[in-house]
Amino acid sequence: MAQAVIVIMMESVVANQFIQTVDTTVHGQARGVPVYLVIFILAQIFQIVLCWDALAKQNTMQIGAFVAFNFAILCYSGFQYAQLIRIAGSDAGLSVPLIVIPVIIAIFEILFGFLASKLYVEFGWSIFKRIGADPLMRNMYRTYQIFVLLIKIDVFFVLGFGLQFLVLVISSKDPEFAITIAAIPVMLAVLAFAVYGPLDRSRLAADATQMKKEDKLIVMGFLFGLVLAMGYFSFKIFRIFTRPEQYSDTKYYLTFFAALSLTMVIATFVTAVMCILNFGKGLGSHLTEKPEEPAPEVHHGRLPFD
């Protein structure tokens, strides 16, 4: 939370100074910078949600993904410094906040790595008591954790791509505008569908997912939605390279986000299929039953869950 607050404040200073220094209304690399800064800020908010959810669900995979995601942001902050200084110039007053941002993230990255190692031990014993020592059961549970994690990451990349595409590429008169406006919430609904399924108050438990309930009908509908999402992102990548004049200012960023989004959707599809193959093997009963005892104290040394 502290990192997010500091970084968002610094990014706001950078955005304000950049807009005052550089004309972002004309075509060129500068036009997309405000959108990229907004996505960077959204990434900080996404991190908070990812961390909070990982702690609430005791998801060891998600804790590791949180640290890795923060490291990716650290790397991008270095690229952001080089990009904005090149566009705005070294005398635009951006150097100090652009240097402070990666320094702050690097300091917290070290802290997050240390805390993640401690949480792994804490959550590992809790998971061991819940799942047991069966290697097959542990592998199935890891697959389930990866599936849940991928769904959350999909949300960030889908929103990031949609924001860039709607703001920087197409106008409200373009037929693709309406398609994109419809496609983004549909894809988000597909992801939510895998978690909650049809609206049913009795099923909206804080820890409920259709994969956990081993609901094949719901999950098959989710897989169909993922296939449509693959087609959408493949079509967008094709358009980016067949209409170079329309995407001249944002070609590389959009290609990056579209390719990552497509990769994450494919990974989600593959992991979902692996989870379906594990249906009926006993994991569902472990996931849906309530733990009888609270998590034990932190133990040191090698975990039985390893």
Protein backbone atom coordinates (compact mmCIF):
# COMPACT_ATOMS: atom_id res chain seq x y z
CA MET A 1 0.00 0.00 0.00
CA ALA A 2 2.81 2.43 0.90
CA GLN A 3 4.61 1.74 -2.38
CA ALA A 4 1.43 2.25 -4.37
CA VAL A 5 0.66 5.59 -2.70
CA ILE A 6 4.18 6.95 -3.24
CA VAL A 7 4.44 5.71 -6.84
CA ILE A 8 0.99 7.01 -7.78
CA MET A 9 1.92 10.42 -6.36
CA MET A 10 5.17 10.45 -8.35
CA GLU A 11 3.42 9.29 -11.52
CA SER A 12 0.85 12.05 -11.11
CA VAL A 13 3.65 14.60 -10.90
CA VAL A 14 5.26 13.13 -14.02
CA ALA A 15 1.97 13.16 -15.93
CA ASN A 16 1.21 16.77 -15.01
CA GLN A 17 4.72 17.97 -15.88
CA PHE A 18 4.80 16.02 -19.14
CA ILE A 19 1.43 17.36 -20.34
CA GLN A 20 2.51 20.93 -19.56
CA THR A 21 5.82 20.47 -21.40
CA VAL A 22 4.88 18.38 -24.43
CA ASP A 23 1.93 18.68 -26.81
CA THR A 24 0.14 15.33 -26.54
CA THR A 25 -2.64 16.21 -28.99
CA VAL A 26 -0.59 15.78 -32.17
CA HIS A 27 0.32 12.45 -33.74
CA GLY A 28 3.58 11.02 -32.50
CA GLN A 29 5.04 9.02 -29.63
CA ALA A 30 4.06 11.67 -27.08
CA ARG A 31 0.33 11.17 -27.76
CA GLY A 32 0.22 7.82 -26.04
CA VAL A 33 2.32 8.72 -22.99
CA PRO A 34 -0.60 9.90 -20.77
CA VAL A 35 -2.38 6.61 -21.42
CA TYR A 36 0.73 4.61 -20.55
CA LEU A 37 1.10 6.57 -17.31
CA VAL A 38 -2.51 5.79 -16.43
CA ILE A 39 -1.90 2.08 -17.08
CA PHE A 40 1.18 2.27 -14.83
CA ILE A 41 -0.98 3.73 -12.06
CA LEU A 42 -3.63 1.05 -12.63
CA ALA A 43 -0.87 -1.55 -12.27
CA GLN A 44 -0.18 -0.22 -8.77
CA ILE A 45 -3.86 -0.53 -7.85
CA PHE A 46 -3.96 -4.02 -9.37
CA GLN A 47 -0.99 -4.98 -7.20
CA ILE A 48 -2.87 -3.98 -4.06
CA VAL A 49 -5.83 -6.14 -5.05
CA LEU A 50 -3.55 -9.03 -6.02
CA CYS A 51 -1.69 -8.89 -2.70
CA TRP A 52 -4.82 -8.54 -0.58
CA ASP A 53 -6.51 -11.43 -2.37
CA ALA A 54 -3.39 -13.62 -2.06
CA LEU A 55 -3.31 -13.04 1.70
CA ALA A 56 -7.04 -13.65 2.08
CA LYS A 57 -6.96 -16.89 0.05
CA GLN A 58 -3.51 -18.00 1.27
CA ASN A 59 -2.48 -18.54 -2.35
CA THR A 60 1.28 -19.19 -2.43
CA MET A 61 1.40 -19.00 -6.22
CA GLN A 62 -0.23 -15.58 -6.12
CA ILE A 63 2.26 -14.33 -3.53
CA GLY A 64 5.07 -15.28 -5.89
CA ALA A 65 3.25 -13.70 -8.82
CA PHE A 66 2.85 -10.49 -6.83
CA VAL A 67 6.62 -10.27 -6.28
CA ALA A 68 7.27 -11.09 -9.96
CA PHE A 69 4.72 -8.52 -11.12
CA ASN A 70 6.36 -5.88 -8.95
CA PHE A 71 9.74 -6.76 -10.47
CA ALA A 72 8.24 -6.35 -13.96
CA ILE A 73 6.99 -2.91 -12.93
CA LEU A 74 10.49 -2.09 -11.69
CA CYS A 75 11.94 -3.00 -15.08
CA TYR A 76 9.29 -0.96 -16.89
CA SER A 77 9.97 2.06 -14.67
CA GLY A 78 13.54 2.08 -16.00
CA PHE A 79 12.25 1.93 -19.57
CA GLN A 80 9.76 4.69 -18.74
CA TYR A 81 12.61 6.96 -17.62
CA ALA A 82 14.50 6.49 -20.88
CA GLN A 83 11.37 6.97 -23.00
CA LEU A 84 10.07 10.14 -21.36
CA ILE A 85 13.47 11.82 -21.16
CA ARG A 86 13.98 11.08 -24.86
CA ILE A 87 10.59 12.58 -25.78
CA ALA A 88 10.43 15.55 -23.39
CA GLY A 89 14.14 16.28 -22.96
CA SER A 90 16.33 16.34 -19.88
CA ASP A 91 15.32 19.91 -19.00
CA ALA A 92 11.59 19.16 -18.68
CA GLY A 93 11.76 18.64 -14.90
CA LEU A 94 10.97 14.93 -15.11
CA SER A 95 14.31 13.46 -14.05
CA VAL A 96 13.82 13.54 -10.27
CA PRO A 97 10.38 11.85 -10.03
CA LEU A 98 11.34 9.38 -12.78
CA ILE A 99 14.41 8.35 -10.76
CA VAL A 100 12.54 8.23 -7.45
CA ILE A 101 9.95 5.78 -8.85
CA PRO A 102 12.32 2.86 -9.63
CA VAL A 103 14.29 3.48 -6.44
CA ILE A 104 11.13 3.22 -4.31
CA ILE A 105 9.95 0.12 -6.18
CA ALA A 106 13.38 -1.53 -5.83
CA ILE A 107 13.41 -0.95 -2.05
CA PHE A 108 9.93 -2.43 -1.65
CA GLU A 109 10.79 -5.31 -4.00
CA ILE A 110 13.49 -6.43 -1.57
CA LEU A 111 11.03 -6.15 1.33
CA PHE A 112 8.32 -8.03 -0.61
CA GLY A 113 10.75 -10.83 -1.44
CA PHE A 114 11.65 -11.27 2.23
CA LEU A 115 8.02 -11.22 3.39
CA ALA A 116 6.99 -13.61 0.60
CA SER A 117 9.48 -16.20 1.86
CA LYS A 118 7.97 -15.95 5.36
CA LEU A 119 4.42 -16.17 4.03
CA TYR A 120 5.32 -19.22 1.98
CA VAL A 121 6.23 -21.03 5.18
CA GLU A 122 3.07 -19.82 6.95
CA PHE A 123 0.72 -20.71 4.10
CA GLY A 124 2.61 -23.91 3.31
CA TRP A 125 1.78 -25.46 6.66
CA SER A 126 -1.83 -24.33 6.40
CA ILE A 127 -2.16 -25.87 2.93
CA PHE A 128 -0.43 -29.05 4.10
CA LYS A 129 -3.03 -29.50 6.86
CA ARG A 130 -5.82 -28.96 4.34
CA ILE A 131 -4.55 -30.93 1.33
CA GLY A 132 -2.31 -33.52 2.94
CA ALA A 133 0.97 -35.08 1.84
CA ASP A 134 -0.26 -36.85 -1.32
CA PRO A 135 1.99 -35.65 -4.21
CA LEU A 136 -0.83 -36.03 -6.74
CA MET A 137 -3.18 -33.94 -4.63
CA ARG A 138 -0.50 -31.25 -4.17
CA ASN A 139 0.11 -31.08 -7.92
CA MET A 140 -3.60 -30.76 -8.61
CA TYR A 141 -3.89 -28.00 -6.04
CA ARG A 142 -0.98 -26.09 -7.61
CA THR A 143 -2.70 -26.33 -10.98
CA TYR A 144 -5.87 -24.93 -9.45
CA GLN A 145 -3.92 -22.06 -7.84
CA ILE A 146 -2.29 -21.22 -11.19
CA PHE A 147 -5.71 -21.20 -12.87
CA VAL A 148 -7.13 -18.75 -10.32
CA LEU A 149 -4.03 -16.57 -10.65
CA LEU A 150 -4.21 -16.47 -14.45
CA ILE A 151 -7.82 -15.30 -14.37
CA LYS A 152 -6.82 -12.28 -12.26
CA ILE A 153 -3.86 -11.43 -14.50
CA ASP A 154 -6.11 -11.74 -17.56
CA VAL A 155 -8.30 -8.96 -16.16
CA PHE A 156 -5.37 -6.51 -16.01
CA PHE A 157 -4.15 -7.18 -19.54
CA VAL A 158 -7.63 -7.11 -21.06
CA LEU A 159 -8.34 -3.73 -19.44
CA GLY A 160 -4.89 -2.39 -20.38
CA PHE A 161 -5.28 -3.34 -24.03
CA GLY A 162 -8.85 -2.04 -24.23
CA LEU A 163 -7.90 1.31 -22.69
CA GLN A 164 -5.08 1.87 -25.19
CA PHE A 165 -7.16 0.77 -28.16
CA LEU A 166 -10.19 2.90 -27.34
CA VAL A 167 -8.28 6.08 -26.47
CA LEU A 168 -5.42 6.04 -28.97
CA VAL A 169 -6.56 4.17 -32.06
CA ILE A 170 -10.20 4.27 -33.02
CA SER A 171 -12.78 7.03 -33.09
CA SER A 172 -16.37 6.76 -31.94
CA LYS A 173 -17.46 6.65 -35.60
CA ASP A 174 -15.36 3.59 -36.38
CA PRO A 175 -17.35 0.30 -36.44
CA GLU A 176 -14.60 -1.32 -34.37
CA PHE A 177 -15.32 1.14 -31.56
CA ALA A 178 -18.66 -0.49 -30.79
CA ILE A 179 -17.14 -3.97 -31.18
CA THR A 180 -14.38 -3.16 -28.70
CA ILE A 181 -16.78 -1.48 -26.27
CA ALA A 182 -18.82 -4.69 -26.31
CA ALA A 183 -15.88 -7.12 -26.36
CA ILE A 184 -14.07 -5.84 -23.26
CA PRO A 185 -16.97 -6.26 -20.78
CA VAL A 186 -17.88 -9.58 -22.42
CA MET A 187 -14.36 -10.92 -21.84
CA LEU A 188 -14.44 -9.68 -18.25
CA ALA A 189 -17.82 -11.34 -17.82
CA VAL A 190 -16.37 -14.60 -19.13
CA LEU A 191 -13.63 -14.44 -16.50
CA ALA A 192 -16.19 -13.65 -13.78
CA PHE A 193 -18.35 -16.51 -15.10
CA ALA A 194 -15.58 -18.99 -14.26
CA VAL A 195 -15.43 -17.64 -10.71
CA TYR A 196 -19.10 -17.19 -9.81
CA GLY A 197 -21.13 -18.84 -12.55
CA PRO A 198 -24.79 -17.80 -12.92
CA LEU A 199 -26.00 -15.27 -10.40
CA ASP A 200 -27.18 -17.19 -7.39
CA ARG A 201 -27.09 -15.70 -3.92
CA SER A 202 -26.55 -19.06 -2.31
CA ARG A 203 -23.39 -19.54 -4.39
CA LEU A 204 -21.79 -16.13 -3.96
CA ALA A 205 -19.55 -17.24 -1.12
CA ALA A 206 -16.35 -15.28 -0.74
CA ASP A 207 -14.23 -18.32 -1.62
CA ALA A 208 -16.41 -19.98 -4.25
CA THR A 209 -15.31 -20.79 -7.80
CA GLN A 210 -16.93 -23.05 -10.35
CA MET A 211 -13.60 -24.83 -10.83
CA LYS A 212 -13.57 -25.54 -7.10
CA LYS A 213 -17.12 -26.90 -7.33
CA GLU A 214 -16.05 -29.00 -10.36
CA ASP A 215 -19.00 -27.67 -12.36
CA LYS A 216 -18.21 -29.02 -15.85
CA LEU A 217 -21.05 -27.21 -17.61
CA ILE A 218 -19.96 -23.79 -16.34
CA VAL A 219 -16.28 -24.46 -17.03
CA MET A 220 -17.00 -25.66 -20.59
CA GLY A 221 -18.88 -22.42 -21.21
CA PHE A 222 -15.86 -20.58 -19.83
CA LEU A 223 -13.57 -22.44 -22.27
CA PHE A 224 -15.80 -21.40 -25.17
CA GLY A 225 -15.50 -17.79 -24.04
CA LEU A 226 -11.70 -18.14 -23.94
CA VAL A 227 -11.71 -19.42 -27.52
CA LEU A 228 -13.62 -16.29 -28.56
CA ALA A 229 -11.09 -14.14 -26.68
CA MET A 230 -8.22 -15.86 -28.53
CA GLY A 231 -9.92 -15.06 -31.82
CA TYR A 232 -10.40 -11.42 -30.79
CA PHE A 233 -6.78 -10.81 -29.83
CA SER A 234 -5.49 -12.69 -32.89
CA PHE A 235 -7.68 -10.48 -35.08
CA LYS A 236 -6.36 -7.34 -33.36
CA ILE A 237 -2.74 -8.38 -33.89
CA PHE A 238 -3.54 -9.04 -37.55
CA ARG A 239 -5.11 -5.58 -37.88
CA ILE A 240 -2.14 -3.86 -36.25
CA PHE A 241 0.22 -5.20 -38.91
CA THR A 242 -2.14 -4.87 -41.89
CA ARG A 243 -3.06 -1.22 -41.15
CA PRO A 244 0.31 0.34 -40.25
CA GLU A 245 -0.88 3.91 -40.87
CA GLN A 246 -3.70 3.60 -38.32
CA TYR A 247 -1.44 2.15 -35.62
CA SER A 248 1.76 4.12 -36.36
CA ASP A 249 1.84 5.86 -32.95
CA THR A 250 0.97 2.84 -30.82
CA LYS A 251 2.05 -0.18 -32.86
CA TYR A 252 4.65 -1.56 -30.45
CA TYR A 253 2.74 -0.98 -27.22
CA LEU A 254 -0.49 -2.40 -28.61
CA THR A 255 1.32 -5.40 -30.09
CA PHE A 256 3.00 -6.00 -26.73
CA PHE A 257 -0.28 -5.87 -24.79
CA ALA A 258 -2.22 -7.86 -27.40
CA ALA A 259 0.47 -10.56 -27.57
CA LEU A 260 0.66 -10.79 -23.77
CA SER A 261 -3.13 -10.87 -23.50
CA LEU A 262 -3.31 -13.65 -26.10
CA THR A 263 -0.56 -15.59 -24.32
CA MET A 264 -2.30 -15.28 -20.96
CA VAL A 265 -5.65 -16.35 -22.42
CA ILE A 266 -4.04 -19.42 -24.04
CA ALA A 267 -2.30 -20.26 -20.74
CA THR A 268 -5.63 -19.89 -18.93
CA PHE A 269 -7.30 -22.22 -21.46
CA VAL A 270 -4.59 -24.88 -21.08
CA THR A 271 -4.67 -24.66 -17.28
CA ALA A 272 -8.47 -24.85 -17.25
CA VAL A 273 -8.33 -28.04 -19.32
CA MET A 274 -5.80 -29.50 -16.88
CA CYS A 275 -8.16 -28.63 -14.01
CA ILE A 276 -11.05 -30.34 -15.79
CA LEU A 277 -8.96 -33.49 -16.19
CA ASN A 278 -8.49 -33.44 -12.41
CA PHE A 279 -12.24 -33.39 -11.71
CA GLY A 280 -13.47 -36.28 -9.63
CA LYS A 281 -10.05 -37.09 -8.13
CA GLY A 282 -10.77 -35.72 -4.66
CA LEU A 283 -9.44 -32.17 -4.83
CA GLY A 284 -12.91 -30.60 -4.89
CA SER A 285 -13.83 -32.05 -1.50
CA HIS A 286 -10.62 -30.64 0.02
CA LEU A 287 -11.26 -27.19 -1.43
CA THR A 288 -14.92 -26.86 -0.46
CA GLU A 289 -14.71 -28.16 3.09
CA LYS A 290 -14.01 -25.67 5.86
CA PRO A 291 -10.76 -26.11 7.78
CA GLU A 292 -11.36 -27.44 11.25
CA GLU A 293 -8.49 -25.60 12.89
CA PRO A 294 -6.81 -22.25 12.33
CA ALA A 295 -3.46 -22.09 10.56
CA PRO A 296 -0.55 -23.15 12.82
CA GLU A 297 2.31 -20.98 13.93
CA VAL A 298 5.21 -20.25 11.58
CA HIS A 299 7.66 -23.16 11.42
CA HIS A 300 11.19 -22.97 10.13
CA GLY A 301 12.95 -25.39 7.86
CA ARG A 302 11.73 -27.52 4.96
CA LEU A 303 7.98 -27.88 4.54
CA PRO A 304 6.15 -31.16 4.05
CA PHE A 305 4.27 -29.24 1.32
CA ASP A 306 7.49 -28.82 -0.75
